[in-house]
Amino acid sequence: MEDQQRLQELINEMNAYKKQAELIQQQVELIQSSIAEVDSLVSTLDDIKNQDSIEAFVPVGAGSFVKGELKDTDEIIISIGAGYAVKKNVEGAKETAAGQKEDLKDSLDKTLESLQKVNDVVGSLSAQAEQLMAANQGQMSTTGMQ
């Protein structure tokens, strides 16, 4: 009976770690999405650089856009985090974006490392559970033969 209780504890612990791994995986996907957004920003900045004006679709809310003309493409308002934004030229905005991307990559590396650690724990717990089940089956076989 003691082995059965230990097996149930291992299963519960594995399930908790699996849920944690799912949450970490969601964080990984969000960070990867943010990196893609920064890459898109840099690409757009390259496209508008040195243009007097450019035709574009401007977001107006609720997933809707209006065709408009962007003038003075030399100045960019770029978010620097925590609800703050600053005015920069295209090169300055690209430098800020590059810094943001590096921060995101560092965060991604740490998050992936955490995910690997959780997966390692799940693997270890799974191995323990399998050993316990095998031992229980072995005891049942020898007990049934006597």
N, C-alpha and C. Protein backbone atom coordinates (compact mmCIF):
# COMPACT_ATOMS: atom_id res chain seq x y z
N MET A 1 0.82 -1.19 0.00
CA MET A 1 0.00 0.00 0.00
C MET A 1 0.87 1.25 0.00
N GLU A 2 1.99 1.20 0.68
CA GLU A 2 2.91 2.32 0.74
C GLU A 2 3.44 2.67 -0.64
N ASP A 3 3.76 1.65 -1.45
CA ASP A 3 4.25 1.87 -2.81
C ASP A 3 3.18 2.52 -3.68
N GLN A 4 1.94 2.11 -3.48
CA GLN A 4 0.83 2.68 -4.25
C GLN A 4 0.67 4.17 -3.94
N GLN A 5 0.83 4.53 -2.68
CA GLN A 5 0.73 5.93 -2.27
C GLN A 5 1.88 6.73 -2.87
N ARG A 6 3.08 6.17 -2.83
CA ARG A 6 4.25 6.85 -3.40
C ARG A 6 4.07 7.04 -4.91
N LEU A 7 3.51 6.02 -5.58
CA LEU A 7 3.26 6.11 -7.02
C LEU A 7 2.27 7.24 -7.32
N GLN A 8 1.22 7.35 -6.52
CA GLN A 8 0.24 8.42 -6.72
C GLN A 8 0.88 9.80 -6.50
N GLU A 9 1.75 9.90 -5.50
CA GLU A 9 2.47 11.15 -5.25
C GLU A 9 3.35 11.53 -6.45
N LEU A 10 4.04 10.54 -7.01
CA LEU A 10 4.89 10.79 -8.18
C LEU A 10 4.06 11.27 -9.37
N ILE A 11 2.91 10.64 -9.57
CA ILE A 11 2.04 11.01 -10.68
C ILE A 11 1.53 12.44 -10.49
N ASN A 12 1.11 12.77 -9.28
CA ASN A 12 0.64 14.13 -9.00
C ASN A 12 1.75 15.16 -9.23
N GLU A 13 2.95 14.82 -8.78
CA GLU A 13 4.09 15.72 -8.95
C GLU A 13 4.42 15.89 -10.43
N MET A 14 4.38 14.79 -11.18
CA MET A 14 4.65 14.87 -12.63
C MET A 14 3.62 15.76 -13.31
N ASN A 15 2.35 15.61 -12.94
CA ASN A 15 1.31 16.42 -13.55
C ASN A 15 1.52 17.91 -13.26
N ALA A 16 1.93 18.22 -12.04
CA ALA A 16 2.20 19.62 -11.68
C ALA A 16 3.35 20.17 -12.52
N TYR A 17 4.41 19.39 -12.67
CA TYR A 17 5.54 19.84 -13.48
C TYR A 17 5.17 19.95 -14.97
N LYS A 18 4.30 19.06 -15.43
CA LYS A 18 3.88 19.15 -16.83
C LYS A 18 3.08 20.43 -17.07
N LYS A 19 2.24 20.80 -16.12
CA LYS A 19 1.49 22.05 -16.25
C LYS A 19 2.45 23.24 -16.26
N GLN A 20 3.46 23.17 -15.40
CA GLN A 20 4.46 24.23 -15.37
C GLN A 20 5.19 24.31 -16.71
N ALA A 21 5.51 23.15 -17.28
CA ALA A 21 6.19 23.12 -18.59
C ALA A 21 5.31 23.75 -19.67
N GLU A 22 4.01 23.50 -19.60
CA GLU A 22 3.09 24.09 -20.58
C GLU A 22 3.10 25.62 -20.48
N LEU A 23 3.09 26.13 -19.24
CA LEU A 23 3.12 27.59 -19.04
C LEU A 23 4.43 28.19 -19.55
N ILE A 24 5.52 27.50 -19.28
CA ILE A 24 6.83 27.98 -19.76
C ILE A 24 6.86 27.96 -21.28
N GLN A 25 6.28 26.92 -21.89
CA GLN A 25 6.23 26.83 -23.35
C GLN A 25 5.44 28.00 -23.93
N GLN A 26 4.37 28.40 -23.25
CA GLN A 26 3.60 29.57 -23.69
C GLN A 26 4.46 30.83 -23.62
N GLN A 27 5.26 30.95 -22.57
CA GLN A 27 6.17 32.10 -22.45
C GLN A 27 7.17 32.10 -23.60
N VAL A 28 7.70 30.93 -23.93
CA VAL A 28 8.64 30.80 -25.05
C VAL A 28 8.00 31.32 -26.32
N GLU A 29 6.76 30.91 -26.57
CA GLU A 29 6.07 31.33 -27.79
C GLU A 29 5.83 32.84 -27.81
N LEU A 30 5.49 33.42 -26.65
CA LEU A 30 5.29 34.87 -26.58
C LEU A 30 6.59 35.62 -26.86
N ILE A 31 7.68 35.13 -26.30
CA ILE A 31 8.98 35.78 -26.53
C ILE A 31 9.37 35.66 -28.00
N GLN A 32 9.15 34.49 -28.59
CA GLN A 32 9.47 34.31 -30.01
C GLN A 32 8.62 35.25 -30.88
N SER A 33 7.38 35.43 -30.49
CA SER A 33 6.50 36.36 -31.21
C SER A 33 7.01 37.79 -31.08
N SER A 34 7.48 38.16 -29.90
CA SER A 34 8.03 39.51 -29.70
C SER A 34 9.29 39.72 -30.53
N ILE A 35 10.13 38.70 -30.62
CA ILE A 35 11.33 38.79 -31.45
C ILE A 35 10.94 39.00 -32.91
N ALA A 36 9.92 38.28 -33.36
CA ALA A 36 9.45 38.43 -34.75
C ALA A 36 8.91 39.85 -34.98
N GLU A 37 8.24 40.43 -33.99
CA GLU A 37 7.74 41.80 -34.10
C GLU A 37 8.90 42.79 -34.23
N VAL A 38 9.94 42.59 -33.45
CA VAL A 38 11.11 43.48 -33.53
C VAL A 38 11.77 43.34 -34.91
N ASP A 39 11.87 42.11 -35.40
CA ASP A 39 12.44 41.91 -36.74
C ASP A 39 11.60 42.62 -37.79
N SER A 40 10.28 42.55 -37.65
CA SER A 40 9.38 43.23 -38.58
C SER A 40 9.57 44.74 -38.50
N LEU A 41 9.74 45.26 -37.28
CA LEU A 41 9.98 46.69 -37.10
C LEU A 41 11.24 47.12 -37.84
N VAL A 42 12.32 46.38 -37.66
CA VAL A 42 13.59 46.74 -38.31
C VAL A 42 13.44 46.69 -39.83
N SER A 43 12.74 45.68 -40.32
CA SER A 43 12.52 45.57 -41.76
C SER A 43 11.72 46.76 -42.28
N THR A 44 10.70 47.15 -41.54
CA THR A 44 9.89 48.30 -41.93
C THR A 44 10.72 49.58 -41.90
N LEU A 45 11.54 49.74 -40.89
CA LEU A 45 12.40 50.92 -40.80
C LEU A 45 13.35 50.99 -41.99
N ASP A 46 13.87 49.84 -42.39
CA ASP A 46 14.75 49.80 -43.57
C ASP A 46 13.98 50.22 -44.83
N ASP A 47 12.71 49.79 -44.92
CA ASP A 47 11.89 50.10 -46.09
C ASP A 47 11.56 51.58 -46.20
N ILE A 48 11.34 52.25 -45.07
CA ILE A 48 10.92 53.65 -45.12
C ILE A 48 12.08 54.64 -45.04
N LYS A 49 13.27 54.12 -44.75
CA LYS A 49 14.44 54.99 -44.60
C LYS A 49 14.67 55.80 -45.88
N ASN A 50 14.95 57.07 -45.71
CA ASN A 50 15.28 58.00 -46.80
C ASN A 50 14.13 58.23 -47.78
N GLN A 51 12.91 57.98 -47.36
CA GLN A 51 11.76 58.27 -48.22
C GLN A 51 11.05 59.51 -47.69
N ASP A 52 10.71 60.42 -48.57
CA ASP A 52 10.03 61.65 -48.16
C ASP A 52 8.63 61.35 -47.62
N SER A 53 7.94 60.48 -48.31
CA SER A 53 6.62 60.04 -47.84
C SER A 53 6.38 58.64 -48.39
N ILE A 54 5.46 57.96 -47.75
CA ILE A 54 5.17 56.59 -48.16
C ILE A 54 3.70 56.30 -47.89
N GLU A 55 3.10 55.57 -48.79
CA GLU A 55 1.70 55.19 -48.63
C GLU A 55 1.66 53.94 -47.76
N ALA A 56 0.73 53.93 -46.80
CA ALA A 56 0.64 52.80 -45.87
C ALA A 56 -0.77 52.68 -45.33
N PHE A 57 -1.06 51.54 -44.78
CA PHE A 57 -2.32 51.34 -44.07
C PHE A 57 -2.06 51.64 -42.60
N VAL A 58 -2.85 52.55 -42.05
CA VAL A 58 -2.66 53.01 -40.67
C VAL A 58 -3.72 52.35 -39.79
N PRO A 59 -3.32 51.70 -38.70
CA PRO A 59 -4.32 51.06 -37.83
C PRO A 59 -5.18 52.12 -37.13
N VAL A 60 -6.49 51.87 -37.12
CA VAL A 60 -7.41 52.79 -36.47
C VAL A 60 -8.20 52.11 -35.36
N GLY A 61 -7.86 50.86 -35.05
CA GLY A 61 -8.50 50.15 -33.95
C GLY A 61 -9.36 48.99 -34.42
N ALA A 62 -9.56 48.05 -33.52
CA ALA A 62 -10.41 46.87 -33.76
C ALA A 62 -10.01 46.12 -35.03
N GLY A 63 -8.72 46.07 -35.31
CA GLY A 63 -8.24 45.35 -36.48
C GLY A 63 -8.56 46.02 -37.80
N SER A 64 -8.87 47.31 -37.75
CA SER A 64 -9.23 48.05 -38.96
C SER A 64 -8.11 49.01 -39.34
N PHE A 65 -8.01 49.29 -40.65
CA PHE A 65 -6.94 50.14 -41.16
C PHE A 65 -7.50 51.14 -42.16
N VAL A 66 -6.84 52.29 -42.28
CA VAL A 66 -7.18 53.31 -43.25
C VAL A 66 -5.93 53.58 -44.08
N LYS A 67 -6.12 53.69 -45.38
CA LYS A 67 -4.99 53.99 -46.26
C LYS A 67 -4.59 55.44 -46.03
N GLY A 68 -3.31 55.66 -45.83
CA GLY A 68 -2.84 57.01 -45.57
C GLY A 68 -1.45 57.22 -46.10
N GLU A 69 -0.98 58.43 -45.93
CA GLU A 69 0.36 58.76 -46.38
C GLU A 69 1.19 59.16 -45.17
N LEU A 70 2.33 58.51 -45.01
CA LEU A 70 3.24 58.83 -43.92
C LEU A 70 4.22 59.88 -44.41
N LYS A 71 4.25 60.99 -43.70
CA LYS A 71 5.19 62.07 -44.05
C LYS A 71 6.23 62.15 -42.96
N ASP A 72 7.36 62.69 -43.29
CA ASP A 72 8.45 62.84 -42.32
C ASP A 72 8.80 61.48 -41.70
N THR A 73 9.27 60.59 -42.54
CA THR A 73 9.63 59.25 -42.09
C THR A 73 11.00 59.21 -41.42
N ASP A 74 11.56 60.39 -41.18
CA ASP A 74 12.87 60.45 -40.52
C ASP A 74 12.77 60.32 -39.01
N GLU A 75 11.59 60.58 -38.45
CA GLU A 75 11.42 60.51 -37.00
C GLU A 75 10.47 59.38 -36.64
N ILE A 76 10.89 58.59 -35.68
CA ILE A 76 10.12 57.43 -35.24
C ILE A 76 9.86 57.57 -33.75
N ILE A 77 8.65 57.27 -33.33
CA ILE A 77 8.36 57.17 -31.90
C ILE A 77 8.44 55.69 -31.58
N ILE A 78 9.38 55.31 -30.72
CA ILE A 78 9.61 53.90 -30.42
C ILE A 78 9.43 53.65 -28.93
N SER A 79 8.76 52.55 -28.64
CA SER A 79 8.53 52.15 -27.25
C SER A 79 9.85 51.69 -26.63
N ILE A 80 10.08 52.15 -25.40
CA ILE A 80 11.28 51.70 -24.68
C ILE A 80 10.90 50.89 -23.45
N GLY A 81 9.63 50.54 -23.34
CA GLY A 81 9.15 49.70 -22.25
C GLY A 81 8.50 50.49 -21.14
N ALA A 82 7.78 49.80 -20.30
CA ALA A 82 7.09 50.36 -19.13
C ALA A 82 6.17 51.52 -19.51
N GLY A 83 5.62 51.48 -20.72
CA GLY A 83 4.69 52.51 -21.15
C GLY A 83 5.34 53.79 -21.65
N TYR A 84 6.65 53.78 -21.80
CA TYR A 84 7.37 54.97 -22.27
C TYR A 84 7.79 54.80 -23.72
N ALA A 85 7.82 55.93 -24.43
CA ALA A 85 8.28 55.94 -25.82
C ALA A 85 9.14 57.19 -26.02
N VAL A 86 10.05 57.10 -26.96
CA VAL A 86 10.92 58.23 -27.26
C VAL A 86 10.96 58.47 -28.77
N LYS A 87 11.30 59.69 -29.14
CA LYS A 87 11.43 60.05 -30.54
C LYS A 87 12.89 59.81 -30.95
N LYS A 88 13.07 59.10 -32.05
CA LYS A 88 14.42 58.81 -32.55
C LYS A 88 14.42 58.89 -34.07
N ASN A 89 15.62 59.05 -34.62
CA ASN A 89 15.72 58.93 -36.07
C ASN A 89 15.72 57.43 -36.40
N VAL A 90 15.71 57.12 -37.70
CA VAL A 90 15.60 55.71 -38.11
C VAL A 90 16.74 54.87 -37.53
N GLU A 91 17.97 55.37 -37.64
CA GLU A 91 19.12 54.61 -37.13
C GLU A 91 19.04 54.42 -35.61
N GLY A 92 18.63 55.47 -34.89
CA GLY A 92 18.48 55.37 -33.45
C GLY A 92 17.40 54.36 -33.06
N ALA A 93 16.31 54.36 -33.84
CA ALA A 93 15.22 53.41 -33.59
C ALA A 93 15.70 51.98 -33.85
N LYS A 94 16.51 51.81 -34.91
CA LYS A 94 17.04 50.47 -35.21
C LYS A 94 17.98 50.00 -34.09
N GLU A 95 18.77 50.91 -33.55
CA GLU A 95 19.66 50.55 -32.43
C GLU A 95 18.85 50.14 -31.21
N THR A 96 17.79 50.90 -30.92
CA THR A 96 16.93 50.56 -29.79
C THR A 96 16.29 49.20 -30.01
N ALA A 97 15.82 48.95 -31.23
CA ALA A 97 15.21 47.66 -31.56
C ALA A 97 16.22 46.53 -31.42
N ALA A 98 17.46 46.77 -31.83
CA ALA A 98 18.50 45.75 -31.70
C ALA A 98 18.74 45.42 -30.23
N GLY A 99 18.74 46.44 -29.38
CA GLY A 99 18.90 46.21 -27.94
C GLY A 99 17.74 45.43 -27.37
N GLN A 100 16.53 45.77 -27.82
CA GLN A 100 15.35 45.03 -27.36
C GLN A 100 15.41 43.57 -27.79
N LYS A 101 15.88 43.35 -29.01
CA LYS A 101 15.97 41.98 -29.52
C LYS A 101 16.99 41.17 -28.70
N GLU A 102 18.11 41.78 -28.36
CA GLU A 102 19.11 41.09 -27.54
C GLU A 102 18.53 40.73 -26.17
N ASP A 103 17.78 41.67 -25.57
CA ASP A 103 17.14 41.40 -24.28
C ASP A 103 16.15 40.24 -24.40
N LEU A 104 15.39 40.24 -25.50
CA LEU A 104 14.43 39.17 -25.72
C LEU A 104 15.13 37.83 -25.93
N LYS A 105 16.24 37.84 -26.65
CA LYS A 105 16.99 36.60 -26.87
C LYS A 105 17.54 36.05 -25.54
N ASP A 106 18.03 36.95 -24.68
CA ASP A 106 18.52 36.53 -23.36
C ASP A 106 17.38 35.91 -22.56
N SER A 107 16.24 36.58 -22.60
CA SER A 107 15.06 36.07 -21.89
C SER A 107 14.64 34.72 -22.46
N LEU A 108 14.69 34.58 -23.77
CA LEU A 108 14.33 33.31 -24.41
C LEU A 108 15.28 32.20 -23.97
N ASP A 109 16.57 32.49 -23.95
CA ASP A 109 17.56 31.49 -23.52
C ASP A 109 17.29 31.03 -22.09
N LYS A 110 17.01 31.98 -21.20
CA LYS A 110 16.74 31.63 -19.80
C LYS A 110 15.45 30.83 -19.68
N THR A 111 14.45 31.21 -20.45
CA THR A 111 13.17 30.51 -20.39
C THR A 111 13.32 29.09 -20.94
N LEU A 112 14.06 28.94 -22.03
CA LEU A 112 14.30 27.60 -22.58
C LEU A 112 15.09 26.73 -21.59
N GLU A 113 16.02 27.36 -20.88
CA GLU A 113 16.78 26.64 -19.86
C GLU A 113 15.85 26.16 -18.74
N SER A 114 14.93 27.01 -18.32
CA SER A 114 13.96 26.63 -17.29
C SER A 114 13.08 25.49 -17.79
N LEU A 115 12.66 25.57 -19.04
CA LEU A 115 11.84 24.51 -19.62
C LEU A 115 12.59 23.19 -19.63
N GLN A 116 13.87 23.23 -19.98
CA GLN A 116 14.67 22.00 -20.00
C GLN A 116 14.79 21.41 -18.61
N LYS A 117 14.97 22.26 -17.59
CA LYS A 117 15.08 21.77 -16.22
C LYS A 117 13.79 21.09 -15.78
N VAL A 118 12.66 21.70 -16.11
CA VAL A 118 11.37 21.11 -15.74
C VAL A 118 11.18 19.78 -16.47
N ASN A 119 11.53 19.75 -17.76
CA ASN A 119 11.41 18.50 -18.52
C ASN A 119 12.33 17.41 -17.95
N ASP A 120 13.50 17.81 -17.47
CA ASP A 120 14.41 16.84 -16.85
C ASP A 120 13.80 16.27 -15.57
N VAL A 121 13.16 17.12 -14.78
CA VAL A 121 12.51 16.66 -13.55
C VAL A 121 11.37 15.69 -13.89
N VAL A 122 10.58 16.04 -14.91
CA VAL A 122 9.49 15.15 -15.32
C VAL A 122 10.05 13.80 -15.76
N GLY A 123 11.14 13.82 -16.50
CA GLY A 123 11.77 12.57 -16.93
C GLY A 123 12.25 11.73 -15.76
N SER A 124 12.83 12.39 -14.78
CA SER A 124 13.32 11.69 -13.58
C SER A 124 12.16 11.09 -12.79
N LEU A 125 11.12 11.87 -12.62
CA LEU A 125 9.94 11.38 -11.88
C LEU A 125 9.28 10.23 -12.63
N SER A 126 9.24 10.32 -13.94
CA SER A 126 8.66 9.27 -14.75
C SER A 126 9.45 7.97 -14.60
N ALA A 127 10.77 8.08 -14.58
CA ALA A 127 11.62 6.90 -14.40
C ALA A 127 11.39 6.28 -13.03
N GLN A 128 11.26 7.12 -12.00
CA GLN A 128 10.98 6.61 -10.66
C GLN A 128 9.64 5.89 -10.60
N ALA A 129 8.65 6.48 -11.26
CA ALA A 129 7.32 5.87 -11.28
C ALA A 129 7.35 4.52 -12.01
N GLU A 130 8.08 4.46 -13.11
CA GLU A 130 8.18 3.20 -13.85
C GLU A 130 8.89 2.13 -13.02
N GLN A 131 9.94 2.51 -12.31
CA GLN A 131 10.65 1.55 -11.45
C GLN A 131 9.73 1.04 -10.34
N LEU A 132 8.97 1.93 -9.76
CA LEU A 132 8.06 1.57 -8.69
C LEU A 132 6.97 0.63 -9.21
N MET A 133 6.45 0.92 -10.38
CA MET A 133 5.43 0.05 -10.97
C MET A 133 6.02 -1.32 -11.30
N ALA A 134 7.23 -1.35 -11.83
CA ALA A 134 7.88 -2.62 -12.15
C ALA A 134 8.13 -3.43 -10.88
N ALA A 135 8.56 -2.76 -9.82
CA ALA A 135 8.79 -3.45 -8.54
C ALA A 135 7.48 -4.00 -7.99
N ASN A 136 6.41 -3.24 -8.11
CA ASN A 136 5.10 -3.70 -7.63
C ASN A 136 4.63 -4.89 -8.43
N GLN A 137 4.83 -4.88 -9.73
CA GLN A 137 4.43 -6.01 -10.55
C GLN A 137 5.25 -7.25 -10.22
N GLY A 138 6.54 -7.05 -9.94
CA GLY A 138 7.40 -8.16 -9.55
C GLY A 138 6.96 -8.76 -8.22
N GLN A 139 6.59 -7.93 -7.26
CA GLN A 139 6.11 -8.42 -5.96
C GLN A 139 4.81 -9.14 -6.12
N MET A 140 3.94 -8.66 -6.97
CA MET A 140 2.64 -9.31 -7.18
C MET A 140 2.84 -10.67 -7.83
N SER A 141 3.80 -10.78 -8.74
CA SER A 141 4.05 -12.05 -9.42
C SER A 141 4.58 -13.09 -8.44
N THR A 142 5.53 -12.68 -7.60
CA THR A 142 6.09 -13.66 -6.65
C THR A 142 5.11 -13.98 -5.54
N THR A 143 4.27 -13.02 -5.15
CA THR A 143 3.28 -13.27 -4.11
C THR A 143 2.20 -14.20 -4.66
N GLY A 144 1.83 -14.04 -5.89
CA GLY A 144 0.79 -14.88 -6.49
C GLY A 144 1.24 -16.29 -6.71
N MET A 145 2.56 -16.54 -6.82
CA MET A 145 3.09 -17.88 -7.06
C MET A 145 3.15 -18.69 -5.79
N GLN A 146 3.18 -18.07 -4.63
CA GLN A 146 3.33 -18.82 -3.38
C GLN A 146 2.07 -19.39 -2.90
